[in-house]
Amino acid sequence: MRILLFPWSAKVQRNFRIPLFQLLLLATAGLGRPAAAQAPAVTPDSPLPRLLAERKTLTDRYRDASAQRHSLFGNKPSKKDLQEVVDALQGIVDKDQQIVNVLNETAQKATTTSVRLAATTTQLQSTSRDDRNLTSQRLSEVENEASNLRQREKQQLAKMRDLEAEVTEAKQGHFVRDALIAGLAVLCVGLVVALRRRR
């Protein structure tokens, strides 16, 4: 069992570990991702680089404060040295909390953007499906119209063939009539000539 000279330092160290652990967890979670996936998280107006630089300064201050030994009892930290360590640790804890807040805000923005993109994708898919249905319906209508036109064209061709047959039949009828008339005319002339010879 470890005896602590200053019990309040254990509380600060516990408070320090939790956000730092969260920060390390968030930082290591992004290590496996490619750089392209991390790029949108840090935008030009993101406060994250500034906060990380400030945290590094606080960490350096903590390291310097931990190395100080001004005690009257030799090579041990004095109460003032420990207070500086505690202040440095508290600064790091506060900075870690700010960093976690920025990361949470960034994650929230990413989630919102993802939801918006999903909604846009769904809308585009719905629009595309509607367009496909409309195009398919219009194509079906055009095919029906083309089929109707082909049917009407066949009917017109059949009517034309019927009319041509009627015209041919009429022409043949006229030819027969003309031939009969000519034959009757020749017969009449022959009869007239025969009657005149008998007289």
N, C-alpha and C. Protein backbone atom coordinates (compact mmCIF):
# COMPACT_ATOMS: atom_id res chain seq x y z
N MET A 1 0.86 -1.20 0.00
CA MET A 1 0.00 0.00 0.00
C MET A 1 0.88 1.23 0.00
N ARG A 2 0.52 2.16 -0.88
CA ARG A 2 1.34 3.36 -1.03
C ARG A 2 0.80 4.46 -0.14
N ILE A 3 1.65 5.16 0.58
CA ILE A 3 1.24 6.26 1.46
C ILE A 3 1.48 7.56 0.72
N LEU A 4 0.44 8.38 0.67
CA LEU A 4 0.54 9.66 -0.02
C LEU A 4 0.71 10.77 1.01
N LEU A 5 1.68 11.63 0.77
CA LEU A 5 1.87 12.77 1.66
C LEU A 5 0.76 13.80 1.47
N PHE A 6 0.31 13.93 0.22
CA PHE A 6 -0.75 14.90 -0.09
C PHE A 6 -1.89 14.16 -0.75
N PRO A 7 -2.94 13.81 0.02
CA PRO A 7 -4.05 13.02 -0.53
C PRO A 7 -4.74 13.71 -1.71
N TRP A 8 -4.77 15.04 -1.74
CA TRP A 8 -5.44 15.74 -2.84
C TRP A 8 -4.73 15.50 -4.17
N SER A 9 -3.44 15.12 -4.13
CA SER A 9 -2.72 14.90 -5.39
C SER A 9 -3.24 13.63 -6.09
N ALA A 10 -3.70 12.64 -5.31
CA ALA A 10 -4.25 11.41 -5.91
C ALA A 10 -5.52 11.73 -6.68
N LYS A 11 -6.35 12.63 -6.10
CA LYS A 11 -7.58 13.01 -6.77
C LYS A 11 -7.27 13.70 -8.10
N VAL A 12 -6.29 14.59 -8.08
CA VAL A 12 -5.92 15.29 -9.32
C VAL A 12 -5.38 14.31 -10.33
N GLN A 13 -4.57 13.34 -9.86
CA GLN A 13 -4.01 12.35 -10.79
C GLN A 13 -5.11 11.48 -11.38
N ARG A 14 -6.13 11.11 -10.56
CA ARG A 14 -7.25 10.35 -11.10
C ARG A 14 -8.01 11.16 -12.14
N ASN A 15 -8.28 12.43 -11.83
CA ASN A 15 -8.97 13.30 -12.77
C ASN A 15 -8.15 13.50 -14.05
N PHE A 16 -6.85 13.49 -13.91
CA PHE A 16 -5.96 13.68 -15.05
C PHE A 16 -5.98 12.45 -15.96
N ARG A 17 -6.06 11.26 -15.36
CA ARG A 17 -5.98 10.04 -16.15
C ARG A 17 -7.20 9.84 -17.04
N ILE A 18 -8.37 10.16 -16.56
CA ILE A 18 -9.60 9.86 -17.32
C ILE A 18 -9.64 10.62 -18.64
N PRO A 19 -9.53 11.96 -18.66
CA PRO A 19 -9.57 12.64 -19.95
C PRO A 19 -8.38 12.28 -20.83
N LEU A 20 -7.21 12.08 -20.22
CA LEU A 20 -6.04 11.71 -21.00
C LEU A 20 -6.27 10.36 -21.66
N PHE A 21 -6.88 9.43 -20.89
CA PHE A 21 -7.19 8.11 -21.46
C PHE A 21 -8.17 8.26 -22.62
N GLN A 22 -9.19 9.10 -22.42
CA GLN A 22 -10.14 9.34 -23.51
C GLN A 22 -9.44 9.92 -24.73
N LEU A 23 -8.54 10.88 -24.48
CA LEU A 23 -7.82 11.51 -25.58
C LEU A 23 -6.95 10.49 -26.30
N LEU A 24 -6.25 9.66 -25.53
CA LEU A 24 -5.40 8.63 -26.15
C LEU A 24 -6.24 7.63 -26.93
N LEU A 25 -7.40 7.27 -26.35
CA LEU A 25 -8.29 6.34 -27.04
C LEU A 25 -8.77 6.92 -28.37
N LEU A 26 -9.16 8.20 -28.34
CA LEU A 26 -9.60 8.84 -29.57
C LEU A 26 -8.46 8.99 -30.57
N ALA A 27 -7.27 9.30 -30.08
CA ALA A 27 -6.12 9.48 -30.97
C ALA A 27 -5.71 8.16 -31.60
N THR A 28 -5.70 7.07 -30.80
CA THR A 28 -5.29 5.78 -31.35
C THR A 28 -6.37 5.18 -32.24
N ALA A 29 -7.62 5.57 -32.03
CA ALA A 29 -8.70 5.05 -32.89
C ALA A 29 -8.50 5.51 -34.33
N GLY A 30 -7.89 6.69 -34.51
CA GLY A 30 -7.68 7.20 -35.85
C GLY A 30 -6.41 6.74 -36.51
N LEU A 31 -5.54 5.99 -35.76
CA LEU A 31 -4.26 5.58 -36.35
C LEU A 31 -4.43 4.57 -37.47
N GLY A 32 -5.43 3.69 -37.36
CA GLY A 32 -5.62 2.67 -38.38
C GLY A 32 -6.26 3.20 -39.65
N ARG A 33 -6.78 4.43 -39.61
CA ARG A 33 -7.45 4.97 -40.78
C ARG A 33 -6.44 5.65 -41.69
N PRO A 34 -6.72 5.67 -42.99
CA PRO A 34 -5.83 6.38 -43.90
C PRO A 34 -5.89 7.88 -43.67
N ALA A 35 -4.85 8.59 -44.13
CA ALA A 35 -4.77 10.04 -43.92
C ALA A 35 -5.93 10.76 -44.58
N ALA A 36 -6.41 10.22 -45.71
CA ALA A 36 -7.52 10.87 -46.42
C ALA A 36 -8.78 10.87 -45.57
N ALA A 37 -8.97 9.81 -44.76
CA ALA A 37 -10.16 9.75 -43.91
C ALA A 37 -10.05 10.72 -42.75
N GLN A 38 -8.81 11.05 -42.30
CA GLN A 38 -8.63 11.95 -41.18
C GLN A 38 -8.68 13.41 -41.61
N ALA A 39 -8.45 13.69 -42.87
CA ALA A 39 -8.33 15.06 -43.34
C ALA A 39 -9.55 15.92 -43.01
N PRO A 40 -10.80 15.42 -43.21
CA PRO A 40 -11.94 16.28 -42.93
C PRO A 40 -12.09 16.64 -41.46
N ALA A 41 -11.49 15.84 -40.52
CA ALA A 41 -11.66 16.11 -39.09
C ALA A 41 -10.99 17.41 -38.70
N VAL A 42 -9.85 17.76 -39.31
CA VAL A 42 -9.13 18.99 -38.96
C VAL A 42 -9.27 19.95 -40.14
N THR A 43 -10.21 20.86 -40.00
CA THR A 43 -10.43 21.85 -41.04
C THR A 43 -9.55 23.06 -40.75
N PRO A 44 -9.38 23.96 -41.72
CA PRO A 44 -8.53 25.14 -41.48
C PRO A 44 -8.99 25.99 -40.30
N ASP A 45 -10.29 26.01 -40.02
CA ASP A 45 -10.78 26.82 -38.91
C ASP A 45 -10.94 26.00 -37.62
N SER A 46 -10.42 24.77 -37.60
CA SER A 46 -10.52 23.92 -36.42
C SER A 46 -9.58 24.40 -35.32
N PRO A 47 -10.07 24.45 -34.07
CA PRO A 47 -9.19 24.87 -32.95
C PRO A 47 -8.29 23.73 -32.45
N LEU A 48 -8.43 22.54 -33.04
CA LEU A 48 -7.70 21.38 -32.53
C LEU A 48 -6.18 21.55 -32.58
N PRO A 49 -5.56 22.02 -33.68
CA PRO A 49 -4.10 22.19 -33.67
C PRO A 49 -3.63 23.16 -32.58
N ARG A 50 -4.39 24.25 -32.40
CA ARG A 50 -4.01 25.23 -31.36
C ARG A 50 -4.10 24.59 -29.98
N LEU A 51 -5.18 23.84 -29.71
CA LEU A 51 -5.35 23.20 -28.41
C LEU A 51 -4.26 22.16 -28.15
N LEU A 52 -3.89 21.41 -29.18
CA LEU A 52 -2.81 20.42 -29.01
C LEU A 52 -1.47 21.10 -28.72
N ALA A 53 -1.22 22.25 -29.38
CA ALA A 53 0.01 22.99 -29.11
C ALA A 53 0.01 23.52 -27.68
N GLU A 54 -1.16 24.03 -27.23
CA GLU A 54 -1.27 24.52 -25.85
C GLU A 54 -1.09 23.37 -24.86
N ARG A 55 -1.62 22.19 -25.20
CA ARG A 55 -1.45 21.03 -24.32
C ARG A 55 0.01 20.63 -24.22
N LYS A 56 0.73 20.71 -25.33
CA LYS A 56 2.16 20.39 -25.31
C LYS A 56 2.91 21.36 -24.40
N THR A 57 2.54 22.64 -24.47
CA THR A 57 3.16 23.63 -23.58
C THR A 57 2.88 23.29 -22.12
N LEU A 58 1.63 22.92 -21.83
CA LEU A 58 1.26 22.54 -20.44
C LEU A 58 2.00 21.28 -20.01
N THR A 59 2.18 20.34 -20.94
CA THR A 59 2.92 19.11 -20.61
C THR A 59 4.38 19.44 -20.29
N ASP A 60 4.96 20.35 -21.08
CA ASP A 60 6.35 20.78 -20.79
C ASP A 60 6.42 21.45 -19.42
N ARG A 61 5.40 22.27 -19.12
CA ARG A 61 5.37 22.94 -17.81
C ARG A 61 5.25 21.92 -16.68
N TYR A 62 4.42 20.87 -16.91
CA TYR A 62 4.27 19.80 -15.91
C TYR A 62 5.59 19.07 -15.70
N ARG A 63 6.29 18.77 -16.81
CA ARG A 63 7.58 18.06 -16.70
C ARG A 63 8.59 18.92 -15.93
N ASP A 64 8.62 20.22 -16.22
CA ASP A 64 9.54 21.12 -15.51
C ASP A 64 9.18 21.21 -14.02
N ALA A 65 7.85 21.29 -13.75
CA ALA A 65 7.41 21.39 -12.35
C ALA A 65 7.72 20.10 -11.60
N SER A 66 7.59 18.94 -12.26
CA SER A 66 7.87 17.66 -11.60
C SER A 66 9.35 17.50 -11.29
N ALA A 67 10.20 18.14 -12.07
CA ALA A 67 11.65 18.00 -11.87
C ALA A 67 12.18 18.90 -10.77
N GLN A 68 11.38 19.87 -10.31
CA GLN A 68 11.88 20.81 -9.30
C GLN A 68 11.95 20.14 -7.92
N ARG A 69 13.00 20.46 -7.21
CA ARG A 69 13.22 19.93 -5.86
C ARG A 69 13.72 21.07 -4.96
N HIS A 70 12.79 21.75 -4.28
CA HIS A 70 13.16 22.87 -3.41
C HIS A 70 12.86 22.60 -1.94
N SER A 71 12.79 21.37 -1.55
CA SER A 71 12.44 21.04 -0.18
C SER A 71 13.64 21.29 0.74
N LEU A 72 13.32 21.59 2.00
CA LEU A 72 14.36 21.76 3.03
C LEU A 72 14.95 20.41 3.44
N PHE A 73 14.23 19.32 3.10
CA PHE A 73 14.68 18.00 3.54
C PHE A 73 15.52 17.28 2.50
N GLY A 74 16.04 17.98 1.56
CA GLY A 74 16.91 17.33 0.58
C GLY A 74 16.30 17.30 -0.80
N ASN A 75 16.50 16.19 -1.46
CA ASN A 75 16.09 16.05 -2.85
C ASN A 75 14.63 15.60 -2.96
N LYS A 76 13.74 16.37 -2.34
CA LYS A 76 12.30 16.08 -2.39
C LYS A 76 11.57 17.34 -2.80
N PRO A 77 10.41 17.17 -3.47
CA PRO A 77 9.66 18.36 -3.88
C PRO A 77 9.02 19.04 -2.68
N SER A 78 9.02 20.35 -2.71
CA SER A 78 8.37 21.13 -1.65
C SER A 78 6.88 21.22 -1.94
N LYS A 79 6.14 21.81 -1.00
CA LYS A 79 4.70 21.98 -1.17
C LYS A 79 4.43 22.88 -2.37
N LYS A 80 5.25 23.92 -2.54
CA LYS A 80 5.10 24.82 -3.68
C LYS A 80 5.35 24.07 -4.99
N ASP A 81 6.39 23.19 -4.98
CA ASP A 81 6.67 22.38 -6.18
C ASP A 81 5.48 21.49 -6.52
N LEU A 82 4.93 20.86 -5.50
CA LEU A 82 3.78 19.98 -5.73
C LEU A 82 2.55 20.76 -6.19
N GLN A 83 2.41 21.98 -5.65
CA GLN A 83 1.30 22.82 -6.09
C GLN A 83 1.45 23.18 -7.57
N GLU A 84 2.70 23.48 -7.98
CA GLU A 84 2.93 23.76 -9.40
C GLU A 84 2.63 22.53 -10.26
N VAL A 85 3.00 21.32 -9.74
CA VAL A 85 2.68 20.09 -10.46
C VAL A 85 1.17 19.93 -10.59
N VAL A 86 0.47 20.18 -9.46
CA VAL A 86 -0.99 20.06 -9.47
C VAL A 86 -1.61 21.07 -10.43
N ASP A 87 -1.11 22.31 -10.40
CA ASP A 87 -1.64 23.33 -11.32
C ASP A 87 -1.40 22.93 -12.77
N ALA A 88 -0.19 22.40 -13.03
CA ALA A 88 0.13 21.97 -14.40
C ALA A 88 -0.78 20.81 -14.81
N LEU A 89 -0.98 19.86 -13.88
CA LEU A 89 -1.87 18.74 -14.18
C LEU A 89 -3.30 19.21 -14.41
N GLN A 90 -3.75 20.16 -13.58
CA GLN A 90 -5.10 20.67 -13.74
C GLN A 90 -5.24 21.39 -15.08
N GLY A 91 -4.21 22.11 -15.49
CA GLY A 91 -4.22 22.77 -16.80
C GLY A 91 -4.31 21.74 -17.92
N ILE A 92 -3.57 20.63 -17.77
CA ILE A 92 -3.61 19.58 -18.79
C ILE A 92 -4.99 18.94 -18.83
N VAL A 93 -5.56 18.70 -17.62
CA VAL A 93 -6.91 18.12 -17.55
C VAL A 93 -7.92 19.04 -18.24
N ASP A 94 -7.84 20.33 -17.93
CA ASP A 94 -8.77 21.28 -18.56
C ASP A 94 -8.59 21.31 -20.08
N LYS A 95 -7.31 21.30 -20.50
CA LYS A 95 -7.02 21.33 -21.93
C LYS A 95 -7.52 20.06 -22.60
N ASP A 96 -7.32 18.91 -21.90
CA ASP A 96 -7.82 17.65 -22.45
C ASP A 96 -9.34 17.68 -22.60
N GLN A 97 -10.01 18.31 -21.63
CA GLN A 97 -11.46 18.40 -21.71
C GLN A 97 -11.87 19.26 -22.91
N GLN A 98 -11.13 20.36 -23.14
CA GLN A 98 -11.42 21.19 -24.31
C GLN A 98 -11.20 20.40 -25.60
N ILE A 99 -10.12 19.61 -25.64
CA ILE A 99 -9.82 18.81 -26.83
C ILE A 99 -10.92 17.77 -27.05
N VAL A 100 -11.35 17.12 -25.96
CA VAL A 100 -12.43 16.12 -26.06
C VAL A 100 -13.70 16.79 -26.55
N ASN A 101 -13.98 18.01 -26.05
CA ASN A 101 -15.18 18.73 -26.49
C ASN A 101 -15.12 19.03 -28.00
N VAL A 102 -13.91 19.46 -28.45
CA VAL A 102 -13.74 19.75 -29.89
C VAL A 102 -13.92 18.47 -30.69
N LEU A 103 -13.33 17.36 -30.20
CA LEU A 103 -13.47 16.09 -30.92
C LEU A 103 -14.93 15.63 -30.95
N ASN A 104 -15.63 15.80 -29.82
CA ASN A 104 -17.05 15.44 -29.78
C ASN A 104 -17.86 16.31 -30.76
N GLU A 105 -17.53 17.61 -30.78
CA GLU A 105 -18.22 18.51 -31.70
C GLU A 105 -17.94 18.13 -33.15
N THR A 106 -16.66 17.78 -33.43
CA THR A 106 -16.28 17.35 -34.78
C THR A 106 -17.02 16.07 -35.14
N ALA A 107 -17.08 15.12 -34.18
CA ALA A 107 -17.80 13.87 -34.44
C ALA A 107 -19.28 14.14 -34.67
N GLN A 108 -19.85 15.09 -33.91
CA GLN A 108 -21.27 15.43 -34.09
C GLN A 108 -21.51 16.04 -35.47
N LYS A 109 -20.57 16.94 -35.88
CA LYS A 109 -20.71 17.54 -37.22
C LYS A 109 -20.58 16.46 -38.29
N ALA A 110 -19.63 15.52 -38.08
CA ALA A 110 -19.46 14.44 -39.06
C ALA A 110 -20.72 13.58 -39.13
N THR A 111 -21.33 13.31 -37.95
CA THR A 111 -22.56 12.53 -37.92
C THR A 111 -23.68 13.26 -38.65
N THR A 112 -23.80 14.58 -38.38
CA THR A 112 -24.83 15.38 -39.03
C THR A 112 -24.62 15.38 -40.54
N THR A 113 -23.35 15.57 -40.94
CA THR A 113 -23.04 15.56 -42.38
C THR A 113 -23.36 14.20 -42.98
N SER A 114 -23.03 13.13 -42.24
CA SER A 114 -23.31 11.78 -42.72
C SER A 114 -24.81 11.56 -42.88
N VAL A 115 -25.59 12.02 -41.90
CA VAL A 115 -27.05 11.89 -41.98
C VAL A 115 -27.58 12.69 -43.16
N ARG A 116 -27.04 13.92 -43.34
CA ARG A 116 -27.48 14.76 -44.47
C ARG A 116 -27.14 14.09 -45.79
N LEU A 117 -25.92 13.53 -45.86
CA LEU A 117 -25.52 12.84 -47.10
C LEU A 117 -26.39 11.61 -47.35
N ALA A 118 -26.71 10.88 -46.26
CA ALA A 118 -27.57 9.71 -46.41
C ALA A 118 -28.96 10.13 -46.91
N ALA A 119 -29.47 11.24 -46.36
CA ALA A 119 -30.78 11.73 -46.81
C ALA A 119 -30.72 12.16 -48.27
N THR A 120 -29.63 12.86 -48.64
CA THR A 120 -29.47 13.28 -50.04
C THR A 120 -29.36 12.07 -50.95
N THR A 121 -28.59 11.06 -50.50
CA THR A 121 -28.44 9.83 -51.30
C THR A 121 -29.80 9.15 -51.48
N THR A 122 -30.57 9.07 -50.39
CA THR A 122 -31.90 8.46 -50.47
C THR A 122 -32.80 9.24 -51.43
N GLN A 123 -32.72 10.58 -51.33
CA GLN A 123 -33.53 11.42 -52.23
C GLN A 123 -33.11 11.22 -53.67
N LEU A 124 -31.78 11.16 -53.91
CA LEU A 124 -31.29 10.96 -55.28
C LEU A 124 -31.71 9.58 -55.80
N GLN A 125 -31.64 8.57 -54.92
CA GLN A 125 -32.07 7.23 -55.35
C GLN A 125 -33.55 7.23 -55.68
N SER A 126 -34.35 7.91 -54.85
CA SER A 126 -35.80 7.99 -55.10
C SER A 126 -36.07 8.73 -56.40
N THR A 127 -35.36 9.86 -56.61
CA THR A 127 -35.53 10.62 -57.85
C THR A 127 -35.12 9.78 -59.05
N SER A 128 -33.99 9.08 -58.90
CA SER A 128 -33.51 8.22 -59.99
C SER A 128 -34.52 7.12 -60.29
N ARG A 129 -35.08 6.52 -59.23
CA ARG A 129 -36.09 5.47 -59.41
C ARG A 129 -37.33 6.05 -60.11
N ASP A 130 -37.76 7.25 -59.66
CA ASP A 130 -38.91 7.89 -60.31
C ASP A 130 -38.62 8.19 -61.77
N ASP A 131 -37.39 8.69 -62.03
CA ASP A 131 -37.01 8.98 -63.42
C ASP A 131 -37.00 7.71 -64.27
N ARG A 132 -36.47 6.62 -63.68
CA ARG A 132 -36.46 5.35 -64.42
C ARG A 132 -37.89 4.89 -64.70
N ASN A 133 -38.77 5.00 -63.69
CA ASN A 133 -40.17 4.59 -63.89
C ASN A 133 -40.84 5.45 -64.96
N LEU A 134 -40.59 6.77 -64.89
CA LEU A 134 -41.19 7.68 -65.87
C LEU A 134 -40.66 7.38 -67.27
N THR A 135 -39.34 7.15 -67.36
CA THR A 135 -38.74 6.83 -68.66
C THR A 135 -39.29 5.51 -69.19
N SER A 136 -39.41 4.52 -68.30
CA SER A 136 -39.95 3.22 -68.71
C SER A 136 -41.40 3.37 -69.18
N GLN A 137 -42.16 4.18 -68.44
CA GLN A 137 -43.56 4.39 -68.83
C GLN A 137 -43.64 5.11 -70.18
N ARG A 138 -42.81 6.15 -70.35
CA ARG A 138 -42.82 6.88 -71.63
C ARG A 138 -42.37 5.98 -72.78
N LEU A 139 -41.35 5.15 -72.51
CA LEU A 139 -40.88 4.21 -73.53
C LEU A 139 -41.97 3.23 -73.91
N SER A 140 -42.71 2.76 -72.90
CA SER A 140 -43.82 1.85 -73.17
C SER A 140 -44.89 2.53 -74.02
N GLU A 141 -45.18 3.81 -73.70
CA GLU A 141 -46.16 4.55 -74.49
C GLU A 141 -45.70 4.72 -75.93
N VAL A 142 -44.40 5.05 -76.11
CA VAL A 142 -43.85 5.22 -77.46
C VAL A 142 -43.91 3.90 -78.22
N GLU A 143 -43.58 2.79 -77.55
CA GLU A 143 -43.66 1.48 -78.20
C GLU A 143 -45.09 1.15 -78.60
N ASN A 144 -46.05 1.49 -77.73
CA ASN A 144 -47.46 1.26 -78.06
C ASN A 144 -47.88 2.10 -79.27
N GLU A 145 -47.43 3.39 -79.27
CA GLU A 145 -47.76 4.25 -80.41
C GLU A 145 -47.15 3.69 -81.69
N ALA A 146 -45.88 3.23 -81.62
CA ALA A 146 -45.23 2.67 -82.80
C ALA A 146 -45.97 1.42 -83.26
N SER A 147 -46.40 0.58 -82.31
CA SER A 147 -47.15 -0.62 -82.67
C SER A 147 -48.47 -0.26 -83.32
N ASN A 148 -49.15 0.76 -82.78
CA ASN A 148 -50.41 1.22 -83.37
C ASN A 148 -50.19 1.75 -84.78
N LEU A 149 -49.09 2.52 -84.97
CA LEU A 149 -48.78 3.05 -86.29
C LEU A 149 -48.50 1.92 -87.29
N ARG A 150 -47.75 0.90 -86.84
CA ARG A 150 -47.49 -0.25 -87.72
C ARG A 150 -48.79 -0.95 -88.10
N GLN A 151 -49.69 -1.09 -87.11
CA GLN A 151 -50.97 -1.75 -87.36
C GLN A 151 -51.80 -0.94 -88.37
N ARG A 152 -51.81 0.40 -88.16
CA ARG A 152 -52.55 1.25 -89.10
C ARG A 152 -51.94 1.20 -90.49
N GLU A 153 -50.61 1.15 -90.55
CA GLU A 153 -49.93 1.06 -91.84
C GLU A 153 -50.29 -0.24 -92.55
N LYS A 154 -50.34 -1.33 -91.79
CA LYS A 154 -50.76 -2.62 -92.39
C LYS A 154 -52.19 -2.53 -92.91
N GLN A 155 -53.07 -1.89 -92.12
CA GLN A 155 -54.46 -1.74 -92.55
C GLN A 155 -54.55 -0.88 -93.81
N GLN A 156 -53.77 0.20 -93.87
CA GLN A 156 -53.76 1.05 -95.06
C GLN A 156 -53.26 0.28 -96.28
N LEU A 157 -52.17 -0.52 -96.07
CA LEU A 157 -51.64 -1.33 -97.18
C LEU A 157 -52.69 -2.33 -97.67
N ALA A 158 -53.41 -2.95 -96.71
CA ALA A 158 -54.46 -3.90 -97.08
C ALA A 158 -55.55 -3.19 -97.88
N LYS A 159 -55.96 -1.97 -97.44
CA LYS A 159 -56.97 -1.21 -98.16
C LYS A 159 -56.49 -0.85 -99.56
N MET A 160 -55.19 -0.45 -99.64
CA MET A 160 -54.64 -0.09 -100.94
C MET A 160 -54.64 -1.30 -101.88
N ARG A 161 -54.27 -2.47 -101.35
CA ARG A 161 -54.30 -3.69 -102.17
C ARG A 161 -55.73 -4.00 -102.63
N ASP A 162 -56.68 -3.83 -101.69
CA ASP A 162 -58.08 -4.07 -102.07
C ASP A 162 -58.52 -3.10 -103.16
N LEU A 163 -58.13 -1.81 -103.00
CA LEU A 163 -58.50 -0.81 -104.01
C LEU A 163 -57.84 -1.12 -105.35
N GLU A 164 -56.54 -1.53 -105.28
CA GLU A 164 -55.86 -1.88 -106.53
C GLU A 164 -56.54 -3.08 -107.19
N ALA A 165 -56.96 -4.04 -106.39
CA ALA A 165 -57.67 -5.19 -106.95
C ALA A 165 -58.99 -4.76 -107.58
N GLU A 166 -59.69 -3.84 -106.89
CA GLU A 166 -60.96 -3.34 -107.44
C GLU A 166 -60.72 -2.58 -108.74
N VAL A 167 -59.66 -1.75 -108.76
CA VAL A 167 -59.34 -1.00 -109.98
C VAL A 167 -58.99 -1.96 -111.11
N THR A 168 -58.16 -2.97 -110.79
CA THR A 168 -57.81 -3.97 -111.82
C THR A 168 -59.05 -4.68 -112.31
N GLU A 169 -59.92 -5.05 -111.38
CA GLU A 169 -61.16 -5.73 -111.76
C GLU A 169 -62.04 -4.82 -112.60
N ALA A 170 -62.08 -3.55 -112.21
CA ALA A 170 -62.89 -2.58 -112.98
C ALA A 170 -62.31 -2.41 -114.38
N LYS A 171 -60.97 -2.33 -114.45
CA LYS A 171 -60.34 -2.21 -115.76
C LYS A 171 -60.65 -3.43 -116.63
N GLN A 172 -60.58 -4.61 -116.00
CA GLN A 172 -60.92 -5.83 -116.76
C GLN A 172 -62.38 -5.79 -117.19
N GLY A 173 -63.24 -5.31 -116.33
CA GLY A 173 -64.66 -5.18 -116.67
C GLY A 173 -64.86 -4.22 -117.83
N HIS A 174 -64.14 -3.10 -117.82
CA HIS A 174 -64.24 -2.12 -118.92
C HIS A 174 -63.74 -2.73 -120.22
N PHE A 175 -62.65 -3.53 -120.09
CA PHE A 175 -62.09 -4.17 -121.29
C PHE A 175 -63.10 -5.14 -121.90
N VAL A 176 -63.71 -5.95 -121.04
CA VAL A 176 -64.72 -6.91 -121.52
C VAL A 176 -65.88 -6.17 -122.14
N ARG A 177 -66.34 -5.10 -121.49
CA ARG A 177 -67.47 -4.31 -122.01
C ARG A 177 -67.12 -3.71 -123.37
N ASP A 178 -65.90 -3.11 -123.40
CA ASP A 178 -65.47 -2.50 -124.67
C ASP A 178 -65.36 -3.57 -125.77
N ALA A 179 -64.83 -4.74 -125.37
CA ALA A 179 -64.71 -5.83 -126.36
C ALA A 179 -66.09 -6.27 -126.83
N LEU A 180 -67.06 -6.39 -125.92
CA LEU A 180 -68.43 -6.76 -126.28
C LEU A 180 -69.05 -5.71 -127.19
N ILE A 181 -68.83 -4.43 -126.83
CA ILE A 181 -69.39 -3.35 -127.65
C ILE A 181 -68.80 -3.41 -129.05
N ALA A 182 -67.44 -3.58 -129.06
CA ALA A 182 -66.77 -3.66 -130.38
C ALA A 182 -67.28 -4.86 -131.17
N GLY A 183 -67.44 -6.01 -130.49
CA GLY A 183 -67.95 -7.22 -131.17
C GLY A 183 -69.35 -7.02 -131.69
N LEU A 184 -70.21 -6.39 -130.82
CA LEU A 184 -71.58 -6.11 -131.23
C LEU A 184 -71.62 -5.12 -132.38
N ALA A 185 -70.72 -4.14 -132.33
CA ALA A 185 -70.67 -3.15 -133.41
C ALA A 185 -70.29 -3.83 -134.72
N VAL A 186 -69.27 -4.71 -134.66
CA VAL A 186 -68.84 -5.44 -135.85
C VAL A 186 -69.98 -6.33 -136.35
N LEU A 187 -70.68 -6.98 -135.42
CA LEU A 187 -71.80 -7.84 -135.78
C LEU A 187 -72.91 -7.04 -136.44
N CYS A 188 -73.19 -5.87 -135.87
CA CYS A 188 -74.23 -5.00 -136.43
C CYS A 188 -73.84 -4.56 -137.85
N VAL A 189 -72.59 -4.16 -137.99
CA VAL A 189 -72.11 -3.73 -139.30
C VAL A 189 -72.22 -4.91 -140.27
N GLY A 190 -71.84 -6.09 -139.81
CA GLY A 190 -71.92 -7.28 -140.66
C GLY A 190 -73.35 -7.58 -141.06
N LEU A 191 -74.29 -7.44 -140.10
CA LEU A 191 -75.71 -7.68 -140.38
C LEU A 191 -76.23 -6.65 -141.38
N VAL A 192 -75.82 -5.41 -141.18
CA VAL A 192 -76.27 -4.34 -142.08
C VAL A 192 -75.76 -4.63 -143.49
N VAL A 193 -74.49 -5.01 -143.57
CA VAL A 193 -73.88 -5.31 -144.88
C VAL A 193 -74.59 -6.51 -145.49
N ALA A 194 -74.89 -7.52 -144.71
CA ALA A 194 -75.55 -8.73 -145.22
C ALA A 194 -76.95 -8.38 -145.72
N LEU A 195 -77.69 -7.56 -144.99
CA LEU A 195 -79.02 -7.17 -145.39
C LEU A 195 -78.96 -6.37 -146.69
N ARG A 196 -78.04 -5.53 -146.89
CA ARG A 196 -77.95 -4.74 -148.11
C ARG A 196 -77.61 -5.62 -149.30
N ARG A 197 -76.83 -6.61 -149.09
CA ARG A 197 -76.50 -7.51 -150.22
C ARG A 197 -77.71 -8.30 -150.65
N ARG A 198 -78.57 -8.67 -149.74
CA ARG A 198 -79.77 -9.43 -150.09
C ARG A 198 -80.71 -8.58 -150.88
N ARG A 199 -80.71 -7.37 -150.78
CA ARG A 199 -81.67 -6.51 -151.47
C ARG A 199 -81.10 -6.29 -152.80
